[in-house]
Protein backbone atom coordinates (compact mmCIF):
# COMPACT_ATOMS: atom_id res chain seq x y z
CA MET A 1 66.01 -129.10 -95.12
CA ASP A 2 63.48 -131.94 -95.15
CA THR A 3 62.16 -130.82 -98.51
CA PRO A 4 62.85 -133.55 -101.10
CA MET A 5 65.56 -132.58 -103.52
CA SER A 6 65.40 -132.90 -107.24
CA PRO A 7 68.24 -132.74 -109.71
CA PRO A 8 68.96 -129.27 -111.11
CA PRO A 9 66.94 -128.47 -114.21
CA SER A 10 68.48 -129.78 -117.38
CA GLU A 11 69.50 -126.89 -119.60
CA LEU A 12 70.17 -127.30 -123.25
CA ALA A 13 73.34 -125.48 -124.32
CA THR A 14 74.07 -124.72 -127.95
CA PRO A 15 77.59 -125.93 -128.79
CA ALA A 16 80.12 -123.14 -129.24
CA GLY A 17 80.28 -121.89 -132.79
CA GLN A 18 76.99 -123.46 -133.88
CA LYS A 19 74.26 -121.15 -135.10
CA GLY A 20 70.68 -121.91 -134.28
CA GLY A 21 68.44 -123.00 -137.11
CA ALA A 22 71.14 -124.59 -139.26
CA GLN A 23 69.87 -127.90 -140.64
CA PRO A 24 71.62 -130.64 -142.66
CA ILE A 25 70.90 -130.83 -146.35
CA MET A 26 68.73 -133.77 -147.29
CA ALA A 27 67.29 -135.07 -150.53
CA ILE A 28 63.70 -136.34 -150.70
CA PRO A 29 63.08 -138.89 -153.47
CA ALA A 30 60.61 -137.91 -156.17
CA ASN A 31 57.09 -139.28 -155.60
CA GLY A 32 58.09 -140.12 -152.04
CA SER A 33 58.02 -138.68 -148.53
CA ILE A 34 60.55 -137.71 -145.91
CA LEU A 35 59.96 -141.06 -144.20
CA ASP A 36 61.13 -143.00 -147.25
CA GLY A 37 64.77 -142.71 -146.18
CA PRO A 38 66.30 -139.31 -147.01
CA SER A 39 70.05 -139.12 -147.33
CA PHE A 40 71.43 -136.47 -144.97
CA ILE A 41 75.10 -136.99 -145.73
CA ASN A 42 75.52 -137.95 -149.40
CA PRO A 43 72.31 -137.13 -151.31
CA ASP A 44 71.84 -138.70 -154.74
CA PRO A 45 73.05 -136.10 -157.33
CA SER A 46 70.49 -137.29 -159.89
CA LEU A 47 67.65 -136.46 -157.52
CA ILE A 48 69.03 -132.99 -156.84
CA SER A 49 69.70 -132.27 -160.55
CA GLU A 50 66.03 -132.86 -161.42
CA ALA A 51 65.08 -129.88 -159.27
CA LEU A 52 67.86 -127.57 -160.54
CA PRO A 53 68.04 -125.32 -163.63
CA PRO A 54 69.89 -126.83 -166.63
CA ASP A 55 73.07 -124.81 -166.07
CA ALA A 56 73.21 -125.75 -162.41
CA ALA A 57 72.63 -129.42 -163.25
CA THR A 58 75.55 -129.33 -165.72
CA LEU A 59 77.78 -127.72 -163.12
CA LEU A 60 76.81 -130.35 -160.57
CA SER A 61 77.74 -133.14 -162.95
CA THR A 62 81.31 -131.80 -163.15
CA VAL A 63 81.87 -131.97 -159.39
CA PRO A 64 84.18 -134.93 -158.63
CA ALA A 65 82.76 -137.69 -156.48
CA PRO A 66 84.10 -137.88 -152.92
CA ALA A 67 87.07 -140.14 -152.45
CA ALA A 68 86.37 -143.58 -151.07
CA THR A 69 87.23 -143.94 -147.42
CA SER A 70 88.18 -146.96 -145.41
CA SER A 71 85.46 -148.55 -143.33
CA GLN A 72 87.93 -148.82 -140.46
CA THR A 73 88.18 -145.77 -138.22
CA GLN A 74 91.58 -144.82 -136.90
CA VAL A 75 91.36 -144.57 -133.11
CA SER A 76 94.26 -143.21 -131.10
CA THR A 77 95.20 -145.19 -128.00
CA PRO A 78 94.80 -143.15 -124.79
CA SER A 79 97.80 -142.76 -122.53
CA TRP A 80 98.74 -145.77 -120.43
CA LEU A 81 99.21 -143.33 -117.55
CA LEU A 82 95.55 -142.27 -117.88
CA TRP A 83 94.37 -145.82 -117.30
CA GLN A 84 96.83 -146.13 -114.41
CA PHE A 85 95.52 -142.89 -112.90
CA LEU A 86 91.92 -144.13 -113.14
CA ASP A 87 92.74 -147.44 -111.50
CA SER A 88 91.32 -147.64 -107.97
CA ALA A 89 94.49 -149.49 -106.95
CA LEU A 90 96.46 -146.23 -107.29
CA PRO A 91 96.83 -144.96 -103.69
CA THR A 92 95.47 -141.43 -104.13
CA GLY A 93 93.46 -141.39 -100.89
CA GLY A 94 90.33 -140.46 -102.82
CA PHE A 95 88.00 -142.76 -100.89
CA ILE A 96 88.34 -141.05 -97.50
CA ALA A 97 85.65 -138.42 -98.16
CA SER A 98 81.91 -138.68 -98.72
CA ASN A 99 81.40 -134.93 -99.37
CA GLY A 100 78.63 -134.72 -96.79
CA LEU A 101 76.74 -137.81 -97.95
CA GLU A 102 77.33 -139.68 -94.67
CA ALA A 103 75.90 -136.80 -92.63
CA PHE A 104 72.99 -136.45 -95.04
CA ALA A 105 72.14 -140.13 -94.62
CA LYS A 106 72.12 -139.86 -90.81
CA LEU A 107 70.24 -136.56 -90.67
CA HIS A 108 67.66 -137.64 -93.25
CA PRO A 109 67.22 -141.39 -92.75
CA ASN A 110 63.96 -141.47 -94.73
CA ASP A 111 65.36 -139.57 -97.71
CA SER A 112 68.54 -141.65 -97.73
CA LYS A 113 66.46 -144.78 -98.35
CA SER A 114 65.28 -143.35 -101.66
CA VAL A 115 67.49 -144.05 -104.65
CA GLN A 116 66.09 -140.92 -106.32
CA GLN A 117 67.17 -138.74 -103.39
CA ILE A 118 70.69 -140.21 -103.39
CA GLU A 119 70.93 -139.66 -107.13
CA ALA A 120 69.74 -136.08 -106.70
CA TYR A 121 72.39 -135.52 -104.01
CA ILE A 122 75.11 -136.86 -106.31
CA HIS A 123 73.94 -134.74 -109.26
CA TRP A 124 73.90 -131.59 -107.14
CA SER A 125 77.33 -132.42 -105.72
CA VAL A 126 78.78 -132.83 -109.22
CA HIS A 127 77.14 -129.51 -110.13
CA ALA A 128 78.83 -127.85 -107.14
CA CYS A 129 82.18 -129.49 -107.93
CA GLY A 130 82.12 -127.84 -111.35
CA TYR A 131 81.61 -124.37 -109.91
CA THR A 132 83.92 -124.72 -106.89
CA ASN A 133 86.85 -126.77 -108.18
CA LEU A 134 87.07 -126.58 -111.96
CA PRO A 135 88.10 -122.87 -112.13
CA PHE A 136 91.07 -123.68 -109.87
CA VAL A 137 91.84 -126.89 -111.78
CA THR A 138 91.97 -124.91 -115.03
CA GLU A 139 94.15 -122.16 -113.56
CA VAL A 140 96.76 -124.56 -112.16
CA TRP A 141 96.78 -126.69 -115.32
CA ASN A 142 97.56 -123.60 -117.41
CA LEU A 143 100.37 -122.54 -115.06
CA VAL A 144 102.03 -125.97 -115.16
CA ASP A 145 101.51 -126.20 -118.92
CA GLN A 146 103.21 -122.85 -119.57
CA TRP A 147 106.12 -123.78 -117.32
CA THR A 148 106.48 -127.20 -118.98
CA ILE A 149 106.73 -125.64 -122.44
CA ARG A 150 109.31 -123.09 -121.29
CA ASP A 151 111.31 -125.73 -119.43
CA ALA A 152 111.43 -128.04 -122.43
CA PHE A 153 112.00 -125.62 -125.32
CA GLU A 154 113.07 -122.17 -124.14
CA LEU A 155 115.25 -122.49 -121.05
CA LYS A 156 118.72 -123.82 -121.73
CA THR A 157 120.65 -123.35 -118.48
CA GLU A 158 120.13 -125.05 -115.13
CA LYS A 159 120.01 -121.64 -113.44
CA GLY A 160 117.21 -120.50 -115.73
CA LYS A 161 115.29 -123.74 -115.25
CA SER A 162 115.61 -123.52 -111.47
CA LYS A 163 114.43 -119.91 -111.41
CA ALA A 164 111.43 -120.71 -113.62
CA MET A 165 110.48 -123.63 -111.36
CA ARG A 166 110.58 -121.47 -108.24
CA SER A 167 108.44 -118.87 -110.02
CA VAL A 168 105.73 -121.31 -111.06
CA LEU A 169 105.70 -122.93 -107.60
CA LYS A 170 105.13 -119.50 -106.08
CA ARG A 171 102.22 -118.82 -108.45
CA ILE A 172 100.69 -122.23 -107.74
CA ALA A 173 101.04 -121.52 -104.01
CA ASN A 174 99.12 -118.26 -104.50
CA VAL A 175 96.28 -120.12 -106.23
CA ASP A 176 96.32 -122.67 -103.41
CA ARG A 177 95.96 -119.89 -100.83
CA GLU A 178 93.01 -118.44 -102.73
CA TYR A 179 91.32 -121.83 -102.67
CA ASP A 180 92.09 -122.13 -98.96
CA VAL A 181 90.26 -118.85 -98.32
CA PHE A 182 87.42 -119.78 -100.64
CA MET A 183 86.84 -123.18 -99.00
CA ASN A 184 85.66 -121.75 -95.65
CA ASN A 185 83.88 -124.97 -94.63
CA ALA A 186 86.28 -126.30 -91.98
CA ILE A 187 85.49 -129.99 -92.55
CA GLN A 188 85.72 -129.75 -96.34
CA ASN A 189 88.87 -127.67 -96.06
CA ALA A 190 90.59 -130.27 -93.88
CA ALA A 191 89.44 -133.14 -96.13
CA SER A 192 90.73 -131.29 -99.22
CA ARG A 193 94.13 -130.84 -97.57
CA LYS A 194 94.36 -134.54 -96.72
CA GLN A 195 93.36 -135.60 -100.23
CA GLY A 196 95.84 -133.16 -101.76
CA ASP A 197 98.61 -134.43 -99.49
CA GLY A 198 97.79 -138.00 -100.52
CA MET A 199 97.82 -137.03 -104.20
CA ILE A 200 101.27 -135.42 -103.96
CA MET A 201 102.66 -138.28 -101.88
CA MET A 202 101.40 -140.74 -104.47
CA GLY A 203 102.92 -138.68 -107.27
CA VAL A 204 106.32 -138.60 -105.62
CA LYS A 205 106.40 -142.27 -104.61
CA CYS A 206 104.86 -143.69 -107.80
CA PHE A 207 106.20 -141.36 -110.48
CA ALA A 208 108.76 -138.72 -109.45
CA ASP A 209 111.04 -141.25 -107.75
CA GLN A 210 111.35 -143.08 -111.09
CA TYR A 211 112.79 -140.03 -112.83
CA LYS A 212 116.53 -139.55 -112.52
CA THR A 213 117.90 -136.17 -113.54
CA GLY A 214 120.35 -136.44 -116.41
CA SER A 215 119.66 -140.11 -117.16
CA ALA A 216 118.61 -141.10 -120.66
CA GLN A 217 115.17 -142.67 -121.08
CA ASP A 218 114.88 -145.78 -123.20
CA GLU A 219 113.77 -145.10 -126.77
CA GLU A 220 111.30 -147.98 -126.66
CA GLU A 221 109.52 -146.44 -123.66
CA ASP A 222 109.32 -143.00 -125.24
CA GLU A 223 107.67 -144.30 -128.42
CA ASP A 224 104.43 -145.08 -126.58
CA GLY A 225 104.50 -141.87 -124.56
CA VAL A 226 104.84 -143.80 -121.29
CA ALA A 227 108.21 -142.39 -120.24
CA LEU A 228 107.93 -139.67 -117.61
CA GLY A 229 109.02 -136.18 -118.66
CA ALA A 230 111.53 -134.01 -116.85
CA ASN A 231 108.73 -131.80 -115.54
CA ILE A 232 107.74 -134.53 -113.05
CA ARG A 233 110.66 -133.36 -110.90
CA ILE A 234 108.60 -130.36 -109.70
CA LEU A 235 106.67 -132.64 -107.34
CA LYS A 236 109.55 -132.99 -104.87
CA PRO A 237 110.00 -129.24 -104.18
CA PHE A 238 106.20 -128.94 -104.05
CA LYS A 239 106.12 -131.68 -101.42
CA ALA A 240 108.86 -129.86 -99.49
CA MET A 241 106.74 -126.68 -99.49
CA LEU A 242 103.79 -128.77 -98.28
CA ARG A 243 105.82 -130.19 -95.39
CA SER A 244 107.12 -126.75 -94.40
CA GLU A 245 103.50 -125.47 -94.44
CA GLU A 246 104.24 -122.84 -97.07
CA LEU A 247 101.03 -123.95 -98.74
CA ALA A 248 97.98 -126.04 -97.87
CA GLY A 249 98.17 -128.38 -100.87
CA HIS A 250 94.44 -128.61 -101.55
CA TYR A 251 93.09 -131.48 -103.62
CA PRO A 252 92.06 -129.56 -106.80
CA ILE A 253 95.50 -127.95 -106.93
CA ALA A 254 97.39 -131.21 -106.45
CA PHE A 255 95.08 -133.07 -108.84
CA SER A 256 95.53 -130.53 -111.62
CA MET A 257 99.32 -130.57 -111.21
CA MET A 258 99.46 -134.35 -111.39
CA ALA A 259 97.17 -134.49 -114.43
CA ARG A 260 99.31 -132.05 -116.43
CA LEU A 261 102.59 -133.66 -115.34
CA LEU A 262 101.30 -137.03 -116.56
CA GLY A 263 100.46 -135.51 -119.94
CA PHE A 264 96.65 -135.14 -119.77
CA ASP A 265 95.21 -132.27 -121.79
CA LEU A 266 92.95 -129.68 -120.16
CA ALA A 267 89.67 -131.14 -121.43
CA THR A 268 90.60 -134.60 -120.12
CA THR A 269 91.73 -133.14 -116.78
CA ARG A 270 88.48 -131.25 -116.18
CA TYR A 271 86.25 -134.15 -117.20
CA LEU A 272 88.34 -136.61 -115.20
CA HIS A 273 87.97 -134.45 -112.10
CA LEU A 274 84.17 -134.59 -112.36
CA HIS A 275 84.25 -138.32 -113.08
CA LEU A 276 86.36 -139.09 -110.01
CA HIS A 277 84.14 -136.86 -107.84
CA ALA A 278 81.04 -138.81 -108.90
CA ARG A 279 82.88 -142.13 -108.47
CA THR A 280 83.95 -141.21 -104.94
CA LEU A 281 80.39 -140.28 -103.97
CA LEU A 282 78.99 -143.53 -105.37
CA SER A 283 81.68 -145.55 -103.63
CA SER A 284 80.74 -143.83 -100.38
CA ALA A 285 77.05 -144.61 -100.97
CA ILE A 286 77.86 -148.30 -101.45
CA ARG A 287 80.00 -148.45 -98.31
CA LEU A 288 77.21 -146.73 -96.37
CA ALA A 289 74.74 -149.34 -97.69
CA LEU A 290 72.65 -146.64 -99.37
CA LEU A 291 73.02 -148.18 -102.83
CA GLY A 292 73.88 -151.51 -104.37
CA PRO A 293 76.74 -151.77 -106.86
CA PHE A 294 74.40 -152.17 -109.84
CA GLN A 295 72.26 -149.22 -108.79
CA ALA A 296 75.43 -147.16 -108.42
CA GLN A 297 76.49 -147.96 -111.98
CA HIS A 298 73.06 -146.94 -113.28
CA ILE A 299 73.45 -143.57 -111.56
CA MET A 300 77.03 -143.23 -112.82
CA THR A 301 75.84 -143.73 -116.38
CA ARG A 302 73.13 -141.10 -116.02
CA ALA A 303 75.56 -138.68 -114.35
CA GLN A 304 77.54 -138.46 -117.59
CA SER A 305 75.15 -135.94 -119.14
CA LYS A 306 75.25 -133.80 -115.99
CA ALA A 307 79.07 -133.82 -115.97
CA ARG A 308 79.25 -132.81 -119.64
CA PHE A 309 76.79 -129.99 -119.12
CA ILE A 310 78.63 -128.63 -116.06
CA ASP A 311 82.00 -128.97 -117.81
CA ALA A 312 80.74 -126.87 -120.74
CA LYS A 313 78.95 -124.39 -118.48
CA THR A 314 82.05 -123.66 -116.39
CA ALA A 315 84.62 -123.72 -119.22
CA ASP A 316 85.21 -119.94 -119.16
CA LEU A 317 85.02 -119.38 -115.40
CA LYS A 318 87.97 -117.81 -113.61
CA ILE A 319 88.89 -118.45 -110.01
CA GLU A 320 87.15 -115.18 -109.09
CA ASP A 321 83.90 -116.73 -110.38
CA ALA A 322 84.03 -119.83 -108.16
CA ALA A 323 80.88 -120.34 -106.09
CA GLN A 324 79.17 -122.90 -103.87
CA THR A 325 75.94 -124.02 -105.55
CA PHE A 326 74.88 -126.89 -103.26
CA LEU A 327 74.03 -125.46 -99.85
CA VAL A 328 72.49 -128.68 -98.47
CA GLY A 329 75.71 -130.56 -99.21
CA ASP A 330 77.77 -127.73 -97.74
CA ILE A 331 75.73 -127.80 -94.51
CA CYS A 332 75.93 -131.59 -94.26
CA SER A 333 79.70 -131.44 -94.73
CA GLY A 334 79.97 -128.77 -92.04
CA ILE A 335 78.21 -130.83 -89.37
CA HIS A 336 79.99 -134.06 -90.30
CA GLY A 337 82.40 -133.58 -87.39
CA ARG A 338 79.52 -133.72 -84.92
CA LEU A 339 78.47 -137.24 -85.85
CA TRP A 340 79.01 -139.78 -83.09
CA THR A 341 80.30 -142.42 -85.48
CA ARG A 342 81.94 -141.76 -88.84
CA LEU A 343 83.36 -143.80 -91.69
CA PHE A 344 84.73 -140.84 -93.68
CA ASN A 345 86.64 -137.64 -93.05
CA SER A 346 83.94 -135.47 -94.62
């Protein structure tokens, strides 16, 4: 265990749908070289026509020029709720866990003084998060998404809506039980339950309590997509099931539910989950005096490529494919309860 860790090897993945070997068309000026400034996007037609047969050059001259485009790019404004969800002031209880980093620092005091070792730990932990949590995040997001569509457009009666809600809650509870069995590390399991409970409590207190069944939302609020949808009401029966111990309410399950109920698409939800995992680890490292705030931001910036790679690598995984890929972190989390003094729950 004393062997220095290094970040997992960086693998280059070809984007889906892109064939290897395809290169952009470029025009090389006559009597020049490729370093003289080739145009990859809009090559000069006169330069191309010199190298074409007469008939082809005539045909090229008849092709209309591309329409002029505005220099200003239209950028859509992300959801206000997304920024609110990312705000550390939102009481999600996400800063109670170090994911084994505290135990690692006390068991390996020499390694924990190295910024490279801390960065390697964080990279491996993000890698493991992708393989352990993202399959469950995706599954729950799809369940809530399908129910939301049915509830909004297909179901017309209150009886039908109530039956559909009970059905989707039962299916979410089944996924939660599978995660409970999968997460056999007792410390991590307990920490996941506490974080999930905090996420649902926050959702009910901050969002679900604002929605009143049967009341009309203001038109001005709905224009910006800030108004909460009727599907937010599912949080209260989910909380009731949590209190009656019908389900464990693990963090990935609760997180995915909240993300879909607030209107985040699947890609945003998955990437956000990895981002918050890395942010929590770095916050823990700062509170443990392993990193300074500027060093933490350097690592956070570099972790972006790792998160994108893991997100793409695990995009097609099902919950049956979930696996623990960071054994050192898993062991450190498991012995966290034996530490004499602790700042975090895991």
